[in-house]
Structures are given as C-alpha cells and as structure tokens.
Amino acid sequence: MAAHELKLDPYGNIDVDYYMQLAKAQRRVYLSELNAAVKAKVKSLFRAKASPLVAGH
C-alpha cells in the first residue's frame, strides 16, 4: 500500500477499524517510550552523588 492510499473495507468505505488499531499500536509504543524516558529522568534526579566533603573523610 502506497503512503497516499487509504485502506478500504469490502464496501469501499475507509477502514476505520484498521486505522483505530494502527493508532492504538502507535500510541502504545509512544507511551512506553515516554514512560521509560520519564523513569530514567526521575531516577537520575535521585541518583546519589559523592560529596567532595565526604570523600576526604
């Protein structure tokens, strides 16, 4: 299927079910990537850094 062609159902209408499933799959991938990025960012905020004052102790 070319990029500009619409998928049609057997009756010649736009296959809405196909596009809904495609959108759900794309949304699922995007949200999982977003969730991983947010988790990494939050984790980096709470990562303990060695203090120069403690290192000499």
Protein backbone atom coordinates (compact mmCIF):
# COMPACT_ATOMS: atom_id res chain seq x y z
CA MET A 1 0.00 0.00 0.00
CA ALA A 2 1.46 3.37 -1.01
CA ALA A 3 1.73 6.15 1.55
CA HIS A 4 -1.13 8.15 0.00
CA GLU A 5 -3.60 5.30 -0.47
CA LEU A 6 -6.32 4.74 2.11
CA LYS A 7 -7.21 1.25 3.25
CA LEU A 8 -10.80 0.49 2.37
CA ASP A 9 -13.21 -2.09 3.74
CA PRO A 10 -15.05 -4.53 1.43
CA TYR A 11 -17.80 -1.92 0.90
CA GLY A 12 -15.42 0.78 -0.33
CA ASN A 13 -15.53 2.82 2.87
CA ILE A 14 -12.45 3.90 4.78
CA ASP A 15 -11.46 1.01 7.06
CA VAL A 16 -11.89 2.81 10.38
CA ASP A 17 -11.22 -0.33 12.45
CA TYR A 18 -7.83 -0.77 10.75
CA TYR A 19 -6.84 2.84 11.46
CA MET A 20 -8.07 2.62 15.06
CA GLN A 21 -5.90 -0.47 15.66
CA LEU A 22 -2.95 1.25 13.97
CA ALA A 23 -3.40 4.33 16.16
CA LYS A 24 -3.63 2.20 19.32
CA ALA A 25 -0.41 0.40 18.43
CA GLN A 26 1.41 3.66 17.72
CA ARG A 27 0.08 5.20 20.94
CA ARG A 28 1.21 2.14 22.92
CA VAL A 29 4.76 2.41 21.53
CA TYR A 30 4.91 6.17 22.14
CA LEU A 31 3.63 5.91 25.72
CA SER A 32 6.03 3.09 26.59
CA GLU A 33 8.96 5.15 25.26
CA LEU A 34 7.71 8.22 27.13
CA ASN A 35 7.31 6.20 30.33
CA ALA A 36 10.85 4.85 30.05
CA ALA A 37 12.23 8.36 29.48
CA VAL A 38 10.35 9.77 32.48
CA LYS A 39 11.51 6.91 34.70
CA ALA A 40 15.12 7.48 33.63
CA LYS A 41 14.83 11.22 34.28
CA VAL A 42 13.30 10.73 37.74
CA LYS A 43 15.90 8.10 38.57
CA SER A 44 18.69 10.46 37.54
CA LEU A 45 17.30 13.17 39.83
CA PHE A 46 17.56 10.88 42.85
CA ARG A 47 20.91 9.34 41.99
CA ALA A 48 23.30 9.91 44.89
CA LYS A 49 26.42 11.89 44.06
CA ALA A 50 29.54 11.64 46.20
CA SER A 51 30.16 14.87 48.06
CA PRO A 52 33.74 16.22 48.00
CA LEU A 53 33.48 16.73 51.77
CA VAL A 54 32.59 13.10 52.41
CA ALA A 55 35.24 11.74 50.03
CA GLY A 56 38.06 13.13 52.18
CA HIS A 57 36.62 11.66 55.35
